[in-house]
Amino acid sequence: MARNIFKKERMAVITSIEFLVAEGNESKFHEMMRDPKGLPLTRSQKGCQRVEMSVDIEDSNRVFLTEVWDEKNDFDAYFATRVKELEEGGFFSKLVPLLAGEPKMTFSEIKYIPSPE
């Protein structure tokens, strides 16, 4: 009898965000992401399991955030605070001038994780 190589795990939502950083702003962008009000704040939010920042190997101006959330509702609640920050001239609003375009955001749901067994 063939064994099931996929083990059903707790579901989670992956948020993928792609930023195109304007030329010459890479260092400032990375500083902002590392600031306590940047990715560390994101990571501390209810439902956030993990946050990772990666940089395109061939284009260092393309930066990707990969966030894993318990539920999309957790992300939505967090993101609402970031939008408010943007509208009120807070920390997040300082990120916008560093970009060469609108961020691209996608959502996917983890369904199965292969078991190492």
PDB file of N, CA and C in Angstrom:
ATOM      1  N   MET A   1       0.849  -1.184   0.000  1.00  0.00           N
ATOM      2  CA  MET A   1       0.000   0.000   0.000  1.00  0.00           C
ATOM      3  C   MET A   1       0.891   1.243   0.000  1.00  0.00           C
ATOM      4  N   ALA A   2       0.641   2.158  -0.921  1.00  0.00           N
ATOM      5  CA  ALA A   2       1.429   3.401  -1.000  1.00  0.00           C
ATOM      6  C   ALA A   2       1.088   4.301   0.180  1.00  0.00           C
ATOM      7  N   ARG A   3       2.133   4.880   0.755  1.00  0.00           N
ATOM      8  CA  ARG A   3       1.868   5.780   1.875  1.00  0.00           C
ATOM      9  C   ARG A   3       1.677   7.202   1.352  1.00  0.00           C
ATOM     10  N   ASN A   4       0.883   7.959   2.054  1.00  0.00           N
ATOM     11  CA  ASN A   4       0.625   9.345   1.691  1.00  0.00           C
ATOM     12  C   ASN A   4       1.855  10.170   2.054  1.00  0.00           C
ATOM     13  N   ILE A   5       2.502  10.776   1.054  1.00  0.00           N
ATOM     14  CA  ILE A   5       3.707  11.560   1.333  1.00  0.00           C
ATOM     15  C   ILE A   5       3.377  12.985   1.766  1.00  0.00           C
ATOM     16  N   PHE A   6       2.107  13.342   1.713  1.00  0.00           N
ATOM     17  CA  PHE A   6       1.708  14.674   2.149  1.00  0.00           C
ATOM     18  C   PHE A   6       0.975  14.578   3.474  1.00  0.00           C
ATOM     19  N   LYS A   7       1.453  15.339   4.412  1.00  0.00           N
ATOM     20  CA  LYS A   7       0.835  15.364   5.730  1.00  0.00           C
ATOM     21  C   LYS A   7       0.048  16.663   5.848  1.00  0.00           C
ATOM     22  N   LYS A   8      -1.215  16.545   6.146  1.00  0.00           N
ATOM     23  CA  LYS A   8      -2.035  17.745   6.265  1.00  0.00           C
ATOM     24  C   LYS A   8      -1.605  18.501   7.516  1.00  0.00           C
ATOM     25  N   GLU A   9      -1.263  19.757   7.336  1.00  0.00           N
ATOM     26  CA  GLU A   9      -0.818  20.618   8.426  1.00  0.00           C
ATOM     27  C   GLU A   9      -1.851  21.714   8.650  1.00  0.00           C
ATOM     28  N   ARG A  10      -1.628  22.475   9.692  1.00  0.00           N
ATOM     29  CA  ARG A  10      -2.452  23.634   9.963  1.00  0.00           C
ATOM     30  C   ARG A  10      -2.366  24.579   8.762  1.00  0.00           C
ATOM     31  N   MET A  11      -3.490  25.051   8.306  1.00  0.00           N
ATOM     32  CA  MET A  11      -3.504  25.942   7.156  1.00  0.00           C
ATOM     33  C   MET A  11      -2.887  27.285   7.525  1.00  0.00           C
ATOM     34  N   ALA A  12      -2.336  27.936   6.549  1.00  0.00           N
ATOM     35  CA  ALA A  12      -1.769  29.265   6.735  1.00  0.00           C
ATOM     36  C   ALA A  12      -1.868  30.008   5.411  1.00  0.00           C
ATOM     37  N   VAL A  13      -1.748  31.317   5.492  1.00  0.00           N
ATOM     38  CA  VAL A  13      -1.810  32.171   4.317  1.00  0.00           C
ATOM     39  C   VAL A  13      -0.442  32.795   4.092  1.00  0.00           C
ATOM     40  N   ILE A  14       0.016  32.750   2.850  1.00  0.00           N
ATOM     41  CA  ILE A  14       1.279  33.388   2.492  1.00  0.00           C
ATOM     42  C   ILE A  14       0.964  34.677   1.744  1.00  0.00           C
ATOM     43  N   THR A  15       1.530  35.757   2.230  1.00  0.00           N
ATOM     44  CA  THR A  15       1.437  37.042   1.548  1.00  0.00           C
ATOM     45  C   THR A  15       2.785  37.300   0.898  1.00  0.00           C
ATOM     46  N   SER A  16       2.781  37.532  -0.396  1.00  0.00           N
ATOM     47  CA  SER A  16       4.009  37.846  -1.129  1.00  0.00           C
ATOM     48  C   SER A  16       3.893  39.276  -1.639  1.00  0.00           C
ATOM     49  N   ILE A  17       4.881  40.092  -1.300  1.00  0.00           N
ATOM     50  CA  ILE A  17       4.870  41.493  -1.715  1.00  0.00           C
ATOM     51  C   ILE A  17       6.168  41.778  -2.460  1.00  0.00           C
ATOM     52  N   GLU A  18       6.037  42.326  -3.654  1.00  0.00           N
ATOM     53  CA  GLU A  18       7.204  42.688  -4.455  1.00  0.00           C
ATOM     54  C   GLU A  18       7.323  44.207  -4.502  1.00  0.00           C
ATOM     55  N   PHE A  19       8.496  44.706  -4.137  1.00  0.00           N
ATOM     56  CA  PHE A  19       8.791  46.134  -4.194  1.00  0.00           C
ATOM     57  C   PHE A  19       9.835  46.376  -5.276  1.00  0.00           C
ATOM     58  N   LEU A  20       9.683  47.455  -6.014  1.00  0.00           N
ATOM     59  CA  LEU A  20      10.731  47.923  -6.908  1.00  0.00           C
ATOM     60  C   LEU A  20      11.271  49.203  -6.277  1.00  0.00           C
ATOM     61  N   VAL A  21      12.466  49.107  -5.731  1.00  0.00           N
ATOM     62  CA  VAL A  21      13.082  50.227  -5.024  1.00  0.00           C
ATOM     63  C   VAL A  21      13.748  51.138  -6.052  1.00  0.00           C
ATOM     64  N   ALA A  22      13.525  52.447  -5.904  1.00  0.00           N
ATOM     65  CA  ALA A  22      14.129  53.411  -6.822  1.00  0.00           C
ATOM     66  C   ALA A  22      15.651  53.382  -6.691  1.00  0.00           C
ATOM     67  N   GLU A  23      16.310  53.574  -7.816  1.00  0.00           N
ATOM     68  CA  GLU A  23      17.777  53.570  -7.868  1.00  0.00           C
ATOM     69  C   GLU A  23      18.352  54.516  -6.814  1.00  0.00           C
ATOM     70  N   GLY A  24      19.319  54.010  -6.058  1.00  0.00           N
ATOM     71  CA  GLY A  24      19.984  54.807  -5.034  1.00  0.00           C
ATOM     72  C   GLY A  24      19.317  54.766  -3.671  1.00  0.00           C
ATOM     73  N   ASN A  25      18.151  54.122  -3.571  1.00  0.00           N
ATOM     74  CA  ASN A  25      17.420  54.069  -2.299  1.00  0.00           C
ATOM     75  C   ASN A  25      17.494  52.711  -1.610  1.00  0.00           C
ATOM     76  N   GLU A  26      18.305  51.801  -2.146  1.00  0.00           N
ATOM     77  CA  GLU A  26      18.345  50.437  -1.609  1.00  0.00           C
ATOM     78  C   GLU A  26      18.732  50.416  -0.130  1.00  0.00           C
ATOM     79  N   SER A  27      19.786  51.125   0.235  1.00  0.00           N
ATOM     80  CA  SER A  27      20.260  51.110   1.630  1.00  0.00           C
ATOM     81  C   SER A  27      19.204  51.648   2.575  1.00  0.00           C
ATOM     82  N   LYS A  28      18.579  52.762   2.208  1.00  0.00           N
ATOM     83  CA  LYS A  28      17.544  53.365   3.061  1.00  0.00           C
ATOM     84  C   LYS A  28      16.353  52.415   3.200  1.00  0.00           C
ATOM     85  N   PHE A  29      15.973  51.768   2.098  1.00  0.00           N
ATOM     86  CA  PHE A  29      14.866  50.816   2.138  1.00  0.00           C
ATOM     87  C   PHE A  29      15.173  49.680   3.110  1.00  0.00           C
ATOM     88  N   HIS A  30      16.370  49.120   3.003  1.00  0.00           N
ATOM     89  CA  HIS A  30      16.761  48.011   3.883  1.00  0.00           C
ATOM     90  C   HIS A  30      16.811  48.461   5.343  1.00  0.00           C
ATOM     91  N   GLU A  31      17.290  49.667   5.594  1.00  0.00           N
ATOM     92  CA  GLU A  31      17.300  50.215   6.961  1.00  0.00           C
ATOM     93  C   GLU A  31      15.886  50.295   7.515  1.00  0.00           C
ATOM     94  N   MET A  32      14.955  50.782   6.695  1.00  0.00           N
ATOM     95  CA  MET A  32      13.567  50.898   7.151  1.00  0.00           C
ATOM     96  C   MET A  32      12.963  49.530   7.450  1.00  0.00           C
ATOM     97  N   MET A  33      13.275  48.542   6.632  1.00  0.00           N
ATOM     98  CA  MET A  33      12.745  47.206   6.875  1.00  0.00           C
ATOM     99  C   MET A  33      13.267  46.641   8.200  1.00  0.00           C
ATOM    100  N   ARG A  34      14.514  46.962   8.544  1.00  0.00           N
ATOM    101  CA  ARG A  34      15.125  46.451   9.780  1.00  0.00           C
ATOM    102  C   ARG A  34      14.762  47.274  11.011  1.00  0.00           C
ATOM    103  N   ASP A  35      14.258  48.472  10.806  1.00  0.00           N
ATOM    104  CA  ASP A  35      13.862  49.344  11.910  1.00  0.00           C
ATOM    105  C   ASP A  35      12.816  48.628  12.773  1.00  0.00           C
ATOM    106  N   PRO A  36      12.797  48.875  14.089  1.00  0.00           N
ATOM    107  CA  PRO A  36      11.788  48.239  14.947  1.00  0.00           C
ATOM    108  C   PRO A  36      10.347  48.476  14.481  1.00  0.00           C
ATOM    109  N   LYS A  37      10.101  49.570  13.764  1.00  0.00           N
ATOM    110  CA  LYS A  37       8.755  49.844  13.249  1.00  0.00           C
ATOM    111  C   LYS A  37       8.525  49.206  11.877  1.00  0.00           C
ATOM    112  N   GLY A  38       9.536  48.532  11.346  1.00  0.00           N
ATOM    113  CA  GLY A  38       9.426  47.864  10.055  1.00  0.00           C
ATOM    114  C   GLY A  38       9.027  46.408  10.219  1.00  0.00           C
ATOM    115  N   LEU A  39       9.871  45.508   9.707  1.00  0.00           N
ATOM    116  CA  LEU A  39       9.545  44.077   9.757  1.00  0.00           C
ATOM    117  C   LEU A  39       9.466  43.506  11.169  1.00  0.00           C
ATOM    118  N   PRO A  40      10.279  43.985  12.136  1.00  0.00           N
ATOM    119  CA  PRO A  40      10.096  43.476  13.503  1.00  0.00           C
ATOM    120  C   PRO A  40       8.682  43.748  14.043  1.00  0.00           C
ATOM    121  N   LEU A  41       8.109  44.901  13.691  1.00  0.00           N
ATOM    122  CA  LEU A  41       6.737  45.199  14.113  1.00  0.00           C
ATOM    123  C   LEU A  41       5.759  44.254  13.424  1.00  0.00           C
ATOM    124  N   THR A  42       5.966  44.030  12.139  1.00  0.00           N
ATOM    125  CA  THR A  42       5.107  43.091  11.408  1.00  0.00           C
ATOM    126  C   THR A  42       5.136  41.723  12.079  1.00  0.00           C
ATOM    127  N   ARG A  43       6.329  41.254  12.386  1.00  0.00           N
ATOM    128  CA  ARG A  43       6.496  39.921  12.982  1.00  0.00           C
ATOM    129  C   ARG A  43       5.801  39.794  14.330  1.00  0.00           C
ATOM    130  N   SER A  44       5.652  40.904  15.040  1.00  0.00           N
ATOM    131  CA  SER A  44       5.050  40.869  16.380  1.00  0.00           C
ATOM    132  C   SER A  44       3.521  40.862  16.357  1.00  0.00           C
ATOM    133  N   GLN A  45       2.934  40.989  15.182  1.00  0.00           N
ATOM    134  CA  GLN A  45       1.481  41.097  15.091  1.00  0.00           C
ATOM    135  C   GLN A  45       0.785  39.754  15.286  1.00  0.00           C
ATOM    136  N   LYS A  46      -0.434  39.840  15.791  1.00  0.00           N
ATOM    137  CA  LYS A  46      -1.250  38.645  16.007  1.00  0.00           C
ATOM    138  C   LYS A  46      -1.376  37.867  14.694  1.00  0.00           C
ATOM    139  N   GLY A  47      -1.052  36.594  14.746  1.00  0.00           N
ATOM    140  CA  GLY A  47      -1.218  35.715  13.597  1.00  0.00           C
ATOM    141  C   GLY A  47      -0.040  35.654  12.646  1.00  0.00           C
ATOM    142  N   CYS A  48       0.967  36.512  12.838  1.00  0.00           N
ATOM    143  CA  CYS A  48       2.126  36.483  11.940  1.00  0.00           C
ATOM    144  C   CYS A  48       3.093  35.404  12.414  1.00  0.00           C
ATOM    145  N   GLN A  49       3.283  34.389  11.588  1.00  0.00           N
ATOM    146  CA  GLN A  49       4.182  33.286  11.924  1.00  0.00           C
ATOM    147  C   GLN A  49       5.619  33.560  11.505  1.00  0.00           C
ATOM    148  N   ARG A  50       5.773  34.264  10.371  1.00  0.00           N
ATOM    149  CA  ARG A  50       7.121  34.456   9.840  1.00  0.00           C
ATOM    150  C   ARG A  50       7.114  35.601   8.829  1.00  0.00           C
ATOM    151  N   VAL A  51       8.230  36.318   8.771  1.00  0.00           N
ATOM    152  CA  VAL A  51       8.443  37.359   7.765  1.00  0.00           C
ATOM    153  C   VAL A  51       9.855  37.191   7.227  1.00  0.00           C
ATOM    154  N   GLU A  52       9.988  37.171   5.922  1.00  0.00           N
ATOM    155  CA  GLU A  52      11.313  37.061   5.297  1.00  0.00           C
ATOM    156  C   GLU A  52      11.441  38.117   4.211  1.00  0.00           C
ATOM    157  N   MET A  53      12.620  38.718   4.123  1.00  0.00           N
ATOM    158  CA  MET A  53      12.907  39.659   3.050  1.00  0.00           C
ATOM    159  C   MET A  53      13.985  39.040   2.171  1.00  0.00           C
ATOM    160  N   SER A  54      13.761  39.057   0.870  1.00  0.00           N
ATOM    161  CA  SER A  54      14.769  38.554  -0.066  1.00  0.00           C
ATOM    162  C   SER A  54      14.954  39.577  -1.182  1.00  0.00           C
ATOM    163  N   VAL A  55      16.104  39.477  -1.847  1.00  0.00           N
ATOM    164  CA  VAL A  55      16.454  40.410  -2.914  1.00  0.00           C
ATOM    165  C   VAL A  55      16.731  39.610  -4.181  1.00  0.00           C
ATOM    166  N   ASP A  56      16.205  40.078  -5.288  1.00  0.00           N
ATOM    167  CA  ASP A  56      16.420  39.436  -6.582  1.00  0.00           C
ATOM    168  C   ASP A  56      17.922  39.330  -6.860  1.00  0.00           C
ATOM    169  N   ILE A  57      18.367  38.165  -7.260  1.00  0.00           N
ATOM    170  CA  ILE A  57      19.788  37.918  -7.513  1.00  0.00           C
ATOM    171  C   ILE A  57      20.315  38.767  -8.673  1.00  0.00           C
ATOM    172  N   GLU A  58      19.478  39.005  -9.670  1.00  0.00           N
ATOM    173  CA  GLU A  58      19.924  39.739 -10.856  1.00  0.00           C
ATOM    174  C   GLU A  58      19.556  41.218 -10.841  1.00  0.00           C
ATOM    175  N   ASP A  59      18.674  41.629  -9.934  1.00  0.00           N
ATOM    176  CA  ASP A  59      18.248  43.036  -9.859  1.00  0.00           C
ATOM    177  C   ASP A  59      18.036  43.399  -8.394  1.00  0.00           C
ATOM    178  N   SER A  60      19.043  44.003  -7.780  1.00  0.00           N
ATOM    179  CA  SER A  60      18.988  44.290  -6.340  1.00  0.00           C
ATOM    180  C   SER A  60      17.946  45.341  -5.978  1.00  0.00           C
ATOM    181  N   ASN A  61      17.301  45.945  -6.967  1.00  0.00           N
ATOM    182  CA  ASN A  61      16.228  46.894  -6.689  1.00  0.00           C
ATOM    183  C   ASN A  61      14.879  46.190  -6.511  1.00  0.00           C
ATOM    184  N   ARG A  62      14.811  44.909  -6.851  1.00  0.00           N
ATOM    185  CA  ARG A  62      13.582  44.125  -6.640  1.00  0.00           C
ATOM    186  C   ARG A  62      13.704  43.396  -5.311  1.00  0.00           C
ATOM    187  N   VAL A  63      12.814  43.754  -4.399  1.00  0.00           N
ATOM    188  CA  VAL A  63      12.827  43.188  -3.050  1.00  0.00           C
ATOM    189  C   VAL A  63      11.493  42.492  -2.818  1.00  0.00           C
ATOM    190  N   PHE A  64      11.560  41.335  -2.187  1.00  0.00           N
ATOM    191  CA  PHE A  64      10.363  40.541  -1.929  1.00  0.00           C
ATOM    192  C   PHE A  64      10.188  40.331  -0.429  1.00  0.00           C
ATOM    193  N   LEU A  65       8.975  40.518   0.040  1.00  0.00           N
ATOM    194  CA  LEU A  65       8.627  40.133   1.406  1.00  0.00           C
ATOM    195  C   LEU A  65       7.727  38.917   1.307  1.00  0.00           C
ATOM    196  N   THR A  66       8.031  37.918   2.090  1.00  0.00           N
ATOM    197  CA  THR A  66       7.188  36.731   2.190  1.00  0.00           C
ATOM    198  C   THR A  66       6.760  36.636   3.641  1.00  0.00           C
ATOM    199  N   GLU A  67       5.463  36.704   3.850  1.00  0.00           N
ATOM    200  CA  GLU A  67       4.914  36.670   5.206  1.00  0.00           C
ATOM    201  C   GLU A  67       3.976  35.478   5.323  1.00  0.00           C
ATOM    202  N   VAL A  68       4.039  34.794   6.437  1.00  0.00           N
ATOM    203  CA  VAL A  68       3.144  33.668   6.691  1.00  0.00           C
ATOM    204  C   VAL A  68       2.244  34.053   7.859  1.00  0.00           C
ATOM    205  N   TRP A  69       0.947  33.990   7.621  1.00  0.00           N
ATOM    206  CA  TRP A  69      -0.059  34.397   8.603  1.00  0.00           C
ATOM    207  C   TRP A  69      -0.980  33.220   8.920  1.00  0.00           C
ATOM    208  N   ASP A  70      -1.470  33.172  10.152  1.00  0.00           N
ATOM    209  CA  ASP A  70      -2.432  32.136  10.532  1.00  0.00           C
ATOM    210  C   ASP A  70      -3.672  32.204   9.642  1.00  0.00           C
ATOM    211  N   GLU A  71      -4.169  33.430   9.434  1.00  0.00           N
ATOM    212  CA  GLU A  71      -5.385  33.633   8.648  1.00  0.00           C
ATOM    213  C   GLU A  71      -5.280  34.940   7.879  1.00  0.00           C
ATOM    214  N   LYS A  72      -5.997  35.046   6.790  1.00  0.00           N
ATOM    215  CA  LYS A  72      -5.995  36.297   6.025  1.00  0.00           C
ATOM    216  C   LYS A  72      -6.562  37.433   6.860  1.00  0.00           C
ATOM    217  N   ASN A  73      -7.516  37.140   7.725  1.00  0.00           N
ATOM    218  CA  ASN A  73      -8.079  38.179   8.595  1.00  0.00           C
ATOM    219  C   ASN A  73      -7.013  38.810   9.479  1.00  0.00           C
ATOM    220  N   ASP A  74      -6.041  38.016   9.931  1.00  0.00           N
ATOM    221  CA  ASP A  74      -4.943  38.561  10.739  1.00  0.00           C
ATOM    222  C   ASP A  74      -4.126  39.553   9.912  1.00  0.00           C
ATOM    223  N   PHE A  75      -3.817  39.171   8.671  1.00  0.00           N
ATOM    224  CA  PHE A  75      -3.083  40.088   7.795  1.00  0.00           C
ATOM    225  C   PHE A  75      -3.902  41.347   7.546  1.00  0.00           C
ATOM    226  N   ASP A  76      -5.193  41.184   7.249  1.00  0.00           N
ATOM    227  CA  ASP A  76      -6.045  42.338   6.950  1.00  0.00           C
ATOM    228  C   ASP A  76      -6.080  43.327   8.112  1.00  0.00           C
ATOM    229  N   ALA A  77      -6.181  42.821   9.336  1.00  0.00           N
ATOM    230  CA  ALA A  77      -6.196  43.699  10.516  1.00  0.00           C
ATOM    231  C   ALA A  77      -4.870  44.445  10.639  1.00  0.00           C
ATOM    232  N   TYR A  78      -3.776  43.733  10.463  1.00  0.00           N
ATOM    233  CA  TYR A  78      -2.450  44.360  10.506  1.00  0.00           C
ATOM    234  C   TYR A  78      -2.310  45.399   9.399  1.00  0.00           C
ATOM    235  N   PHE A  79      -2.689  45.033   8.170  1.00  0.00           N
ATOM    236  CA  PHE A  79      -2.493  45.923   7.031  1.00  0.00           C
ATOM    237  C   PHE A  79      -3.324  47.194   7.171  1.00  0.00           C
ATOM    238  N   ALA A  80      -4.490  47.097   7.799  1.00  0.00           N
ATOM    239  CA  ALA A  80      -5.320  48.288   8.036  1.00  0.00           C
ATOM    240  C   ALA A  80      -4.560  49.312   8.879  1.00  0.00           C
ATOM    241  N   THR A  81      -3.765  48.833   9.845  1.00  0.00           N
ATOM    242  CA  THR A  81      -2.974  49.772  10.658  1.00  0.00           C
ATOM    243  C   THR A  81      -1.870  50.404   9.820  1.00  0.00           C
ATOM    244  N   ARG A  82      -1.296  49.655   8.885  1.00  0.00           N
ATOM    245  CA  ARG A  82      -0.258  50.205   8.005  1.00  0.00           C
ATOM    246  C   ARG A  82      -0.856  51.242   7.042  1.00  0.00           C
ATOM    247  N   VAL A  83      -2.049  51.000   6.541  1.00  0.00           N
ATOM    248  CA  VAL A  83      -2.712  51.960   5.653  1.00  0.00           C
ATOM    249  C   VAL A  83      -3.009  53.242   6.423  1.00  0.00           C
ATOM    250  N   LYS A  84      -3.479  53.110   7.655  1.00  0.00           N
ATOM    251  CA  LYS A  84      -3.751  54.286   8.488  1.00  0.00           C
ATOM    252  C   LYS A  84      -2.461  55.079   8.715  1.00  0.00           C
ATOM    253  N   GLU A  85      -1.382  54.369   8.983  1.00  0.00           N
ATOM    254  CA  GLU A  85      -0.062  54.988   9.144  1.00  0.00           C
ATOM    255  C   GLU A  85       0.311  55.785   7.900  1.00  0.00           C
ATOM    256  N   LEU A  86       0.079  55.198   6.761  1.00  0.00           N
ATOM    257  CA  LEU A  86       0.381  55.838   5.483  1.00  0.00           C
ATOM    258  C   LEU A  86      -0.430  57.123   5.333  1.00  0.00           C
ATOM    259  N   GLU A  87      -1.708  57.040   5.623  1.00  0.00           N
ATOM    260  CA  GLU A  87      -2.605  58.188   5.482  1.00  0.00           C
ATOM    261  C   GLU A  87      -2.286  59.303   6.472  1.00  0.00           C
ATOM    262  N   GLU A  88      -1.769  58.939   7.639  1.00  0.00           N
ATOM    263  CA  GLU A  88      -1.486  59.927   8.684  1.00  0.00           C
ATOM    264  C   GLU A  88      -0.038  60.408   8.681  1.00  0.00           C
ATOM    265  N   GLY A  89       0.741  59.995   7.688  1.00  0.00           N
ATOM    266  CA  GLY A  89       2.125  60.448   7.597  1.00  0.00           C
ATOM    267  C   GLY A  89       3.070  59.752   8.558  1.00  0.00           C
ATOM    268  N   GLY A  90       2.707  58.557   9.006  1.00  0.00           N
ATOM    269  CA  GLY A  90       3.540  57.800   9.943  1.00  0.00           C
ATOM    270  C   GLY A  90       4.680  57.066   9.256  1.00  0.00           C
ATOM    271  N   PHE A  91       5.243  56.107   9.961  1.00  0.00           N
ATOM    272  CA  PHE A  91       6.425  55.373   9.510  1.00  0.00           C
ATOM    273  C   PHE A  91       6.286  54.838   8.088  1.00  0.00           C
ATOM    274  N   PHE A  92       5.179  54.198   7.807  1.00  0.00           N
ATOM    275  CA  PHE A  92       4.984  53.555   6.505  1.00  0.00           C
ATOM    276  C   PHE A  92       4.994  54.562   5.359  1.00  0.00           C
ATOM    277  N   SER A  93       4.555  55.801   5.627  1.00  0.00           N
ATOM    278  CA  SER A  93       4.523  56.822   4.570  1.00  0.00           C
ATOM    279  C   SER A  93       5.928  57.185   4.091  1.00  0.00           C
ATOM    280  N   LYS A  94       6.932  56.966   4.918  1.00  0.00           N
ATOM    281  CA  LYS A  94       8.318  57.276   4.554  1.00  0.00           C
ATOM    282  C   LYS A  94       8.890  56.247   3.568  1.00  0.00           C
ATOM    283  N   LEU A  95       8.211  55.132   3.431  1.00  0.00           N
ATOM    284  CA  LEU A  95       8.644  54.086   2.513  1.00  0.00           C
ATOM    285  C   LEU A  95       8.300  54.425   1.058  1.00  0.00           C
ATOM    286  N   VAL A  96       7.158  55.052   0.865  1.00  0.00           N
ATOM    287  CA  VAL A  96       6.640  55.317  -0.481  1.00  0.00           C
ATOM    288  C   VAL A  96       7.627  56.086  -1.369  1.00  0.00           C
ATOM    289  N   PRO A  97       8.268  57.163  -0.890  1.00  0.00           N
ATOM    290  CA  PRO A  97       9.191  57.898  -1.762  1.00  0.00           C
ATOM    291  C   PRO A  97      10.429  57.092  -2.188  1.00  0.00           C
ATOM    292  N   LEU A  98      10.685  55.979  -1.521  1.00  0.00           N
ATOM    293  CA  LEU A  98      11.844  55.154  -1.851  1.00  0.00           C
ATOM    294  C   LEU A  98      11.568  54.194  -3.007  1.00  0.00           C
ATOM    295  N   LEU A  99      10.312  54.110  -3.416  1.00  0.00           N
ATOM    296  CA  LEU A  99       9.905  53.124  -4.416  1.00  0.00           C
ATOM    297  C   LEU A  99       9.810  53.713  -5.815  1.00  0.00           C
ATOM    298  N   ALA A 100      10.002  52.851  -6.810  1.00  0.00           N
ATOM    299  CA  ALA A 100       9.896  53.252  -8.213  1.00  0.00           C
ATOM    300  C   ALA A 100       8.534  52.880  -8.800  1.00  0.00           C
ATOM    301  N   GLY A 101       7.646  52.357  -7.988  1.00  0.00           N
ATOM    302  CA  GLY A 101       6.322  51.964  -8.461  1.00  0.00           C
ATOM    303  C   GLY A 101       5.512  51.375  -7.323  1.00  0.00           C
ATOM    304  N   GLU A 102       4.290  51.015  -7.645  1.00  0.00           N
ATOM    305  CA  GLU A 102       3.392  50.416  -6.657  1.00  0.00           C
ATOM    306  C   GLU A 102       3.843  48.999  -6.311  1.00  0.00           C
ATOM    307  N   PRO A 103       3.817  48.643  -5.031  1.00  0.00           N
ATOM    308  CA  PRO A 103       4.125  47.253  -4.659  1.00  0.00           C
ATOM    309  C   PRO A 103       3.072  46.304  -5.252  1.00  0.00           C
ATOM    310  N   LYS A 104       3.484  45.082  -5.536  1.00  0.00           N
ATOM    311  CA  LYS A 104       2.574  44.040  -6.020  1.00  0.00           C
ATOM    312  C   LYS A 104       2.383  43.033  -4.896  1.00  0.00           C
ATOM    313  N   MET A 105       1.124  42.706  -4.619  1.00  0.00           N
ATOM    314  CA  MET A 105       0.831  41.809  -3.505  1.00  0.00           C
ATOM    315  C   MET A 105      -0.024  40.642  -3.983  1.00  0.00           C
ATOM    316  N   THR A 106       0.342  39.432  -3.542  1.00  0.00           N
ATOM    317  CA  THR A 106      -0.462  38.247  -3.835  1.00  0.00           C
ATOM    318  C   THR A 106      -0.657  37.447  -2.551  1.00  0.00           C
ATOM    319  N   PHE A 107      -1.703  36.644  -2.549  1.00  0.00           N
ATOM    320  CA  PHE A 107      -2.016  35.790  -1.410  1.00  0.00           C
ATOM    321  C   PHE A 107      -2.171  34.357  -1.897  1.00  0.00           C
ATOM    322  N   SER A 108      -1.668  33.436  -1.120  1.00  0.00           N
ATOM    323  CA  SER A 108      -1.879  32.018  -1.404  1.00  0.00           C
ATOM    324  C   SER A 108      -2.077  31.299  -0.079  1.00  0.00           C
ATOM    325  N   GLU A 109      -2.667  30.131  -0.156  1.00  0.00           N
ATOM    326  CA  GLU A 109      -2.938  29.366   1.060  1.00  0.00           C
ATOM    327  C   GLU A 109      -2.143  28.070   1.039  1.00  0.00           C
ATOM    328  N   ILE A 110      -1.471  27.801   2.128  1.00  0.00           N
ATOM    329  CA  ILE A 110      -0.754  26.535   2.266  1.00  0.00           C
ATOM    330  C   ILE A 110      -1.797  25.448   2.482  1.00  0.00           C
ATOM    331  N   LYS A 111      -1.760  24.434   1.654  1.00  0.00           N
ATOM    332  CA  LYS A 111      -2.699  23.321   1.767  1.00  0.00           C
ATOM    333  C   LYS A 111      -2.035  22.084   2.357  1.00  0.00           C
ATOM    334  N   TYR A 112      -0.859  21.782   1.887  1.00  0.00           N
ATOM    335  CA  TYR A 112      -0.149  20.596   2.367  1.00  0.00           C
ATOM    336  C   TYR A 112       1.343  20.889   2.431  1.00  0.00           C
ATOM    337  N   ILE A 113       1.995  20.250   3.363  1.00  0.00           N
ATOM    338  CA  ILE A 113       3.445  20.319   3.498  1.00  0.00           C
ATOM    339  C   ILE A 113       3.951  18.887   3.457  1.00  0.00           C
ATOM    340  N   PRO A 114       4.887  18.566   2.557  1.00  0.00           N
ATOM    341  CA  PRO A 114       5.393  17.194   2.499  1.00  0.00           C
ATOM    342  C   PRO A 114       5.998  16.781   3.837  1.00  0.00           C
ATOM    343  N   SER A 115       5.672  15.608   4.259  1.00  0.00           N
ATOM    344  CA  SER A 115       6.208  15.077   5.510  1.00  0.00           C
ATOM    345  C   SER A 115       7.618  14.548   5.278  1.00  0.00           C
ATOM    346  N   PRO A 116       8.540  14.828   6.203  1.00  0.00           N
ATOM    347  CA  PRO A 116       9.901  14.313   6.024  1.00  0.00           C
ATOM    348  C   PRO A 116      10.014  12.817   6.299  1.00  0.00           C
ATOM    349  N   GLU A 117       8.936  12.208   6.724  1.00  0.00           N
ATOM    350  CA  GLU A 117       8.948  10.783   7.076  1.00  0.00           C
ATOM    351  C   GLU A 117       9.094   9.892   5.873  1.00  0.00           C
TER     352      GLU A 117
END
